[in-house]
Amino acid sequence: MPSHAQNAPTADTAPVLKITHGPTVEFAGSVKAIVAWSTNVSGATVVHYGTDPNDLAQKAMAPWGALTHRVTLKNLQPNTTYYFKVDSTENGSAGSSAVQQFQTKGPNQSASH
């Protein structure tokens, strides 16, 4: 008896998308932030974010189909803690990250400090 299923050809099965690096906050200013990450196969580029870790209702996206993902979050509030998670799949499988956080700068702080 063969050990592989006859009705599930492995040649046509796409690899499972996984986050291979990140996500990291590359920049956090007073009103915007940049989040980046990498995946092993091309996928969506979506960041869900908000000021409540249990309500990530805001969403920022970039064009679909990249291995490296970079999204700019705009219109943020200064001196505020934001929570976010990234999603590179359309159905939220292995390509979703855990919830992370970052702090925006105060209105008079330099982004480089």
N, C-alpha and C. Protein backbone atom coordinates (compact mmCIF):
# COMPACT_ATOMS: atom_id res chain seq x y z
N MET A 1 0.85 -1.18 0.00
CA MET A 1 0.00 0.00 0.00
C MET A 1 0.89 1.24 0.00
N PRO A 2 0.70 2.16 -0.96
CA PRO A 2 1.55 3.35 -1.03
C PRO A 2 1.33 4.26 0.18
N SER A 3 2.39 4.98 0.57
CA SER A 3 2.32 5.83 1.75
C SER A 3 1.79 7.22 1.45
N HIS A 4 1.62 7.57 0.20
CA HIS A 4 1.09 8.90 -0.12
C HIS A 4 -0.33 8.79 -0.66
N ALA A 5 -1.12 9.83 -0.47
CA ALA A 5 -2.51 9.83 -0.91
C ALA A 5 -2.55 10.05 -2.41
N GLN A 6 -3.36 9.27 -3.10
CA GLN A 6 -3.48 9.38 -4.56
C GLN A 6 -4.24 10.64 -4.98
N ASN A 7 -5.12 11.14 -4.15
CA ASN A 7 -5.96 12.27 -4.54
C ASN A 7 -5.38 13.62 -4.14
N ALA A 8 -4.18 13.66 -3.59
CA ALA A 8 -3.56 14.92 -3.18
C ALA A 8 -2.16 15.02 -3.78
N PRO A 9 -2.07 15.49 -5.02
CA PRO A 9 -0.74 15.57 -5.66
C PRO A 9 0.15 16.59 -4.95
N THR A 10 1.35 16.17 -4.57
CA THR A 10 2.24 17.05 -3.83
C THR A 10 2.91 18.08 -4.74
N ALA A 11 3.02 17.81 -6.02
CA ALA A 11 3.70 18.74 -6.93
C ALA A 11 2.94 20.05 -7.05
N ASP A 12 1.63 20.01 -6.92
CA ASP A 12 0.82 21.22 -7.07
C ASP A 12 0.52 21.91 -5.75
N THR A 13 1.02 21.37 -4.66
CA THR A 13 0.75 21.96 -3.35
C THR A 13 1.74 23.10 -3.09
N ALA A 14 1.22 24.29 -2.87
CA ALA A 14 2.07 25.45 -2.61
C ALA A 14 2.66 25.34 -1.21
N PRO A 15 3.87 25.86 -1.01
CA PRO A 15 4.45 25.83 0.33
C PRO A 15 3.64 26.71 1.28
N VAL A 16 3.64 26.36 2.55
CA VAL A 16 2.92 27.13 3.55
C VAL A 16 3.68 28.44 3.80
N LEU A 17 2.96 29.55 3.71
CA LEU A 17 3.59 30.85 3.93
C LEU A 17 3.96 31.00 5.40
N LYS A 18 5.20 31.41 5.65
CA LYS A 18 5.67 31.65 7.02
C LYS A 18 6.41 32.98 7.05
N ILE A 19 6.32 33.68 8.18
CA ILE A 19 7.13 34.88 8.38
C ILE A 19 8.53 34.42 8.74
N THR A 20 9.52 34.85 7.95
CA THR A 20 10.90 34.40 8.16
C THR A 20 11.75 35.44 8.89
N HIS A 21 11.33 36.69 8.90
CA HIS A 21 12.06 37.74 9.61
C HIS A 21 11.08 38.83 10.03
N GLY A 22 11.16 39.24 11.29
CA GLY A 22 10.31 40.33 11.76
C GLY A 22 9.00 39.81 12.31
N PRO A 23 8.03 40.67 12.43
CA PRO A 23 8.05 42.06 11.99
C PRO A 23 8.86 42.96 12.90
N THR A 24 9.42 44.01 12.30
CA THR A 24 10.16 45.00 13.05
C THR A 24 9.62 46.39 12.73
N VAL A 25 9.71 47.28 13.70
CA VAL A 25 9.34 48.67 13.47
C VAL A 25 10.62 49.38 13.03
N GLU A 26 10.71 49.71 11.75
CA GLU A 26 11.91 50.35 11.21
C GLU A 26 11.99 51.82 11.58
N PHE A 27 10.84 52.44 11.77
CA PHE A 27 10.80 53.87 12.08
C PHE A 27 9.52 54.14 12.88
N ALA A 28 9.62 54.97 13.90
CA ALA A 28 8.44 55.43 14.64
C ALA A 28 8.62 56.91 14.93
N GLY A 29 7.87 57.74 14.22
CA GLY A 29 7.89 59.17 14.45
C GLY A 29 6.71 59.57 15.31
N SER A 30 6.32 60.82 15.24
CA SER A 30 5.18 61.27 16.05
C SER A 30 3.85 60.96 15.39
N VAL A 31 3.80 60.93 14.06
CA VAL A 31 2.53 60.71 13.36
C VAL A 31 2.58 59.56 12.35
N LYS A 32 3.71 58.90 12.19
CA LYS A 32 3.77 57.75 11.29
C LYS A 32 4.81 56.75 11.77
N ALA A 33 4.67 55.52 11.29
CA ALA A 33 5.61 54.45 11.61
C ALA A 33 5.73 53.54 10.40
N ILE A 34 6.86 52.84 10.31
CA ILE A 34 7.08 51.90 9.21
C ILE A 34 7.34 50.52 9.82
N VAL A 35 6.55 49.55 9.39
CA VAL A 35 6.67 48.16 9.85
C VAL A 35 7.13 47.31 8.67
N ALA A 36 8.11 46.43 8.91
CA ALA A 36 8.63 45.59 7.83
C ALA A 36 8.79 44.15 8.30
N TRP A 37 8.68 43.20 7.36
CA TRP A 37 8.90 41.79 7.64
C TRP A 37 9.15 41.05 6.33
N SER A 38 9.60 39.80 6.44
CA SER A 38 9.87 38.97 5.26
C SER A 38 9.11 37.65 5.39
N THR A 39 8.79 37.06 4.23
CA THR A 39 8.12 35.76 4.20
C THR A 39 8.85 34.83 3.24
N ASN A 40 8.61 33.54 3.37
CA ASN A 40 9.28 32.55 2.53
C ASN A 40 8.66 32.44 1.14
N VAL A 41 7.40 32.81 0.97
CA VAL A 41 6.75 32.84 -0.33
C VAL A 41 5.97 34.16 -0.44
N SER A 42 5.64 34.55 -1.65
CA SER A 42 4.92 35.81 -1.86
C SER A 42 3.56 35.76 -1.18
N GLY A 43 3.18 36.90 -0.64
CA GLY A 43 1.88 36.97 0.04
C GLY A 43 1.41 38.39 0.19
N ALA A 44 0.31 38.53 0.88
CA ALA A 44 -0.28 39.84 1.12
C ALA A 44 0.60 40.64 2.08
N THR A 45 0.41 41.95 2.08
CA THR A 45 1.16 42.84 2.96
C THR A 45 0.15 43.70 3.71
N VAL A 46 -0.23 43.25 4.91
CA VAL A 46 -1.27 43.93 5.68
C VAL A 46 -0.81 44.09 7.12
N VAL A 47 -1.03 45.27 7.69
CA VAL A 47 -0.79 45.50 9.11
C VAL A 47 -2.12 45.90 9.74
N HIS A 48 -2.52 45.18 10.78
CA HIS A 48 -3.70 45.53 11.58
C HIS A 48 -3.16 46.23 12.82
N TYR A 49 -3.70 47.40 13.17
CA TYR A 49 -3.15 48.14 14.30
C TYR A 49 -4.21 48.98 15.00
N GLY A 50 -3.86 49.43 16.20
CA GLY A 50 -4.74 50.28 16.98
C GLY A 50 -4.13 50.53 18.35
N THR A 51 -4.82 51.30 19.17
CA THR A 51 -4.30 51.63 20.50
C THR A 51 -4.75 50.64 21.57
N ASP A 52 -5.59 49.68 21.21
CA ASP A 52 -6.04 48.63 22.12
C ASP A 52 -5.58 47.29 21.54
N PRO A 53 -4.81 46.50 22.29
CA PRO A 53 -4.30 45.23 21.73
C PRO A 53 -5.41 44.24 21.38
N ASN A 54 -6.61 44.43 21.92
CA ASN A 54 -7.73 43.55 21.62
C ASN A 54 -8.65 44.11 20.53
N ASP A 55 -8.29 45.27 19.97
CA ASP A 55 -9.11 45.89 18.93
C ASP A 55 -8.21 46.53 17.89
N LEU A 56 -7.68 45.71 17.00
CA LEU A 56 -6.78 46.20 15.95
C LEU A 56 -7.61 46.50 14.70
N ALA A 57 -8.47 47.51 14.81
CA ALA A 57 -9.46 47.79 13.78
C ALA A 57 -8.90 48.55 12.59
N GLN A 58 -7.77 49.25 12.78
CA GLN A 58 -7.20 49.99 11.67
C GLN A 58 -6.34 49.06 10.84
N LYS A 59 -6.26 49.35 9.53
CA LYS A 59 -5.53 48.46 8.63
C LYS A 59 -4.77 49.29 7.61
N ALA A 60 -3.52 48.91 7.38
CA ALA A 60 -2.70 49.53 6.33
C ALA A 60 -2.17 48.39 5.46
N MET A 61 -2.11 48.64 4.15
CA MET A 61 -1.70 47.58 3.23
C MET A 61 -0.72 48.13 2.19
N ALA A 62 0.00 47.21 1.56
CA ALA A 62 0.85 47.51 0.42
C ALA A 62 0.45 46.54 -0.69
N PRO A 63 0.92 46.73 -1.92
CA PRO A 63 0.55 45.82 -3.00
C PRO A 63 0.88 44.36 -2.67
N TRP A 64 0.03 43.46 -3.13
CA TRP A 64 0.16 42.03 -2.85
C TRP A 64 1.29 41.43 -3.67
N GLY A 65 1.93 40.40 -3.12
CA GLY A 65 2.83 39.58 -3.92
C GLY A 65 4.30 39.78 -3.68
N ALA A 66 4.71 40.07 -2.48
CA ALA A 66 6.13 40.31 -2.20
C ALA A 66 6.67 39.30 -1.19
N LEU A 67 8.00 39.14 -1.18
CA LEU A 67 8.69 38.37 -0.15
C LEU A 67 9.11 39.27 1.00
N THR A 68 9.41 40.53 0.68
CA THR A 68 9.73 41.53 1.70
C THR A 68 8.56 42.50 1.76
N HIS A 69 8.14 42.81 2.95
CA HIS A 69 6.93 43.60 3.15
C HIS A 69 7.28 44.84 3.96
N ARG A 70 6.76 45.99 3.54
CA ARG A 70 6.99 47.25 4.25
C ARG A 70 5.73 48.09 4.13
N VAL A 71 5.20 48.49 5.28
CA VAL A 71 3.96 49.27 5.31
C VAL A 71 4.17 50.51 6.17
N THR A 72 3.71 51.65 5.68
CA THR A 72 3.76 52.90 6.46
C THR A 72 2.39 53.11 7.10
N LEU A 73 2.41 53.27 8.42
CA LEU A 73 1.19 53.60 9.16
C LEU A 73 1.15 55.12 9.30
N LYS A 74 0.07 55.75 8.84
CA LYS A 74 -0.01 57.20 8.83
C LYS A 74 -1.10 57.70 9.77
N ASN A 75 -1.08 59.00 10.01
CA ASN A 75 -2.09 59.68 10.84
C ASN A 75 -2.16 59.11 12.26
N LEU A 76 -1.00 58.79 12.81
CA LEU A 76 -0.94 58.29 14.18
C LEU A 76 -0.96 59.46 15.16
N GLN A 77 -1.26 59.18 16.41
CA GLN A 77 -1.26 60.20 17.46
C GLN A 77 0.12 60.24 18.12
N PRO A 78 0.68 61.43 18.37
CA PRO A 78 1.97 61.52 19.05
C PRO A 78 1.93 60.95 20.46
N ASN A 79 3.07 60.46 20.90
CA ASN A 79 3.25 59.99 22.28
C ASN A 79 2.18 58.97 22.69
N THR A 80 1.95 57.99 21.81
CA THR A 80 0.89 56.99 22.02
C THR A 80 1.45 55.60 21.78
N THR A 81 1.01 54.65 22.59
CA THR A 81 1.39 53.25 22.37
C THR A 81 0.41 52.63 21.38
N TYR A 82 0.95 52.06 20.31
CA TYR A 82 0.15 51.36 19.31
C TYR A 82 0.49 49.88 19.35
N TYR A 83 -0.51 49.07 19.10
CA TYR A 83 -0.35 47.61 19.02
C TYR A 83 -0.60 47.21 17.57
N PHE A 84 0.11 46.19 17.11
CA PHE A 84 -0.05 45.79 15.72
C PHE A 84 0.25 44.31 15.55
N LYS A 85 -0.26 43.76 14.46
CA LYS A 85 0.16 42.45 13.99
C LYS A 85 0.16 42.50 12.47
N VAL A 86 1.04 41.72 11.87
CA VAL A 86 1.12 41.68 10.43
C VAL A 86 0.46 40.41 9.92
N ASP A 87 0.00 40.48 8.68
CA ASP A 87 -0.69 39.35 8.05
C ASP A 87 -0.27 39.30 6.59
N SER A 88 0.31 38.18 6.19
CA SER A 88 0.70 38.01 4.79
C SER A 88 -0.12 36.95 4.09
N THR A 89 -1.22 36.54 4.67
CA THR A 89 -2.10 35.56 4.04
C THR A 89 -3.48 36.14 3.90
N GLU A 90 -4.24 35.60 3.00
CA GLU A 90 -5.61 36.05 2.84
C GLU A 90 -6.53 35.43 3.88
N ASN A 91 -6.10 34.31 4.49
CA ASN A 91 -6.98 33.62 5.43
C ASN A 91 -6.39 33.53 6.83
N GLY A 92 -5.31 34.27 7.11
CA GLY A 92 -4.78 34.37 8.46
C GLY A 92 -4.16 33.11 9.03
N SER A 93 -3.49 32.31 8.21
CA SER A 93 -2.87 31.08 8.74
C SER A 93 -1.50 31.39 9.32
N ALA A 94 -0.49 30.64 8.95
CA ALA A 94 0.84 30.77 9.55
C ALA A 94 1.51 32.10 9.25
N GLY A 95 0.98 32.89 8.33
CA GLY A 95 1.60 34.15 7.96
C GLY A 95 1.18 35.32 8.82
N SER A 96 0.55 35.07 9.95
CA SER A 96 0.18 36.15 10.87
C SER A 96 1.14 36.17 12.05
N SER A 97 1.47 37.37 12.51
CA SER A 97 2.39 37.49 13.64
C SER A 97 1.60 37.61 14.94
N ALA A 98 2.33 37.50 16.04
CA ALA A 98 1.75 37.83 17.34
C ALA A 98 1.58 39.34 17.43
N VAL A 99 0.77 39.79 18.35
CA VAL A 99 0.57 41.23 18.56
C VAL A 99 1.82 41.80 19.22
N GLN A 100 2.32 42.89 18.66
CA GLN A 100 3.48 43.59 19.19
C GLN A 100 3.09 45.05 19.43
N GLN A 101 4.02 45.85 19.97
CA GLN A 101 3.70 47.24 20.23
C GLN A 101 4.88 48.15 19.93
N PHE A 102 4.57 49.43 19.73
CA PHE A 102 5.58 50.48 19.60
C PHE A 102 4.99 51.76 20.14
N GLN A 103 5.86 52.71 20.42
CA GLN A 103 5.46 54.01 20.98
C GLN A 103 5.81 55.10 19.97
N THR A 104 4.84 55.95 19.64
CA THR A 104 5.14 57.10 18.78
C THR A 104 5.87 58.16 19.60
N LYS A 105 6.62 58.99 18.92
CA LYS A 105 7.37 60.07 19.58
C LYS A 105 6.41 61.19 19.99
N GLY A 106 6.86 61.99 20.93
CA GLY A 106 6.13 63.19 21.28
C GLY A 106 6.22 64.20 20.14
N PRO A 107 5.36 65.21 20.10
CA PRO A 107 5.35 66.15 18.97
C PRO A 107 6.63 66.93 18.81
N ASN A 108 7.43 67.08 19.85
CA ASN A 108 8.67 67.86 19.75
C ASN A 108 9.93 67.01 19.79
N GLN A 109 9.77 65.67 19.78
CA GLN A 109 10.93 64.79 19.81
C GLN A 109 11.42 64.50 18.39
N SER A 110 12.70 64.40 18.24
CA SER A 110 13.26 64.00 16.95
C SER A 110 13.07 62.50 16.78
N ALA A 111 12.79 62.06 15.58
CA ALA A 111 12.59 60.64 15.33
C ALA A 111 13.86 59.83 15.48
N SER A 112 15.01 60.48 15.46
CA SER A 112 16.28 59.75 15.55
C SER A 112 16.69 59.47 16.97
N HIS A 113 16.02 60.00 17.97
CA HIS A 113 16.39 59.78 19.37
C HIS A 113 15.69 58.60 19.96
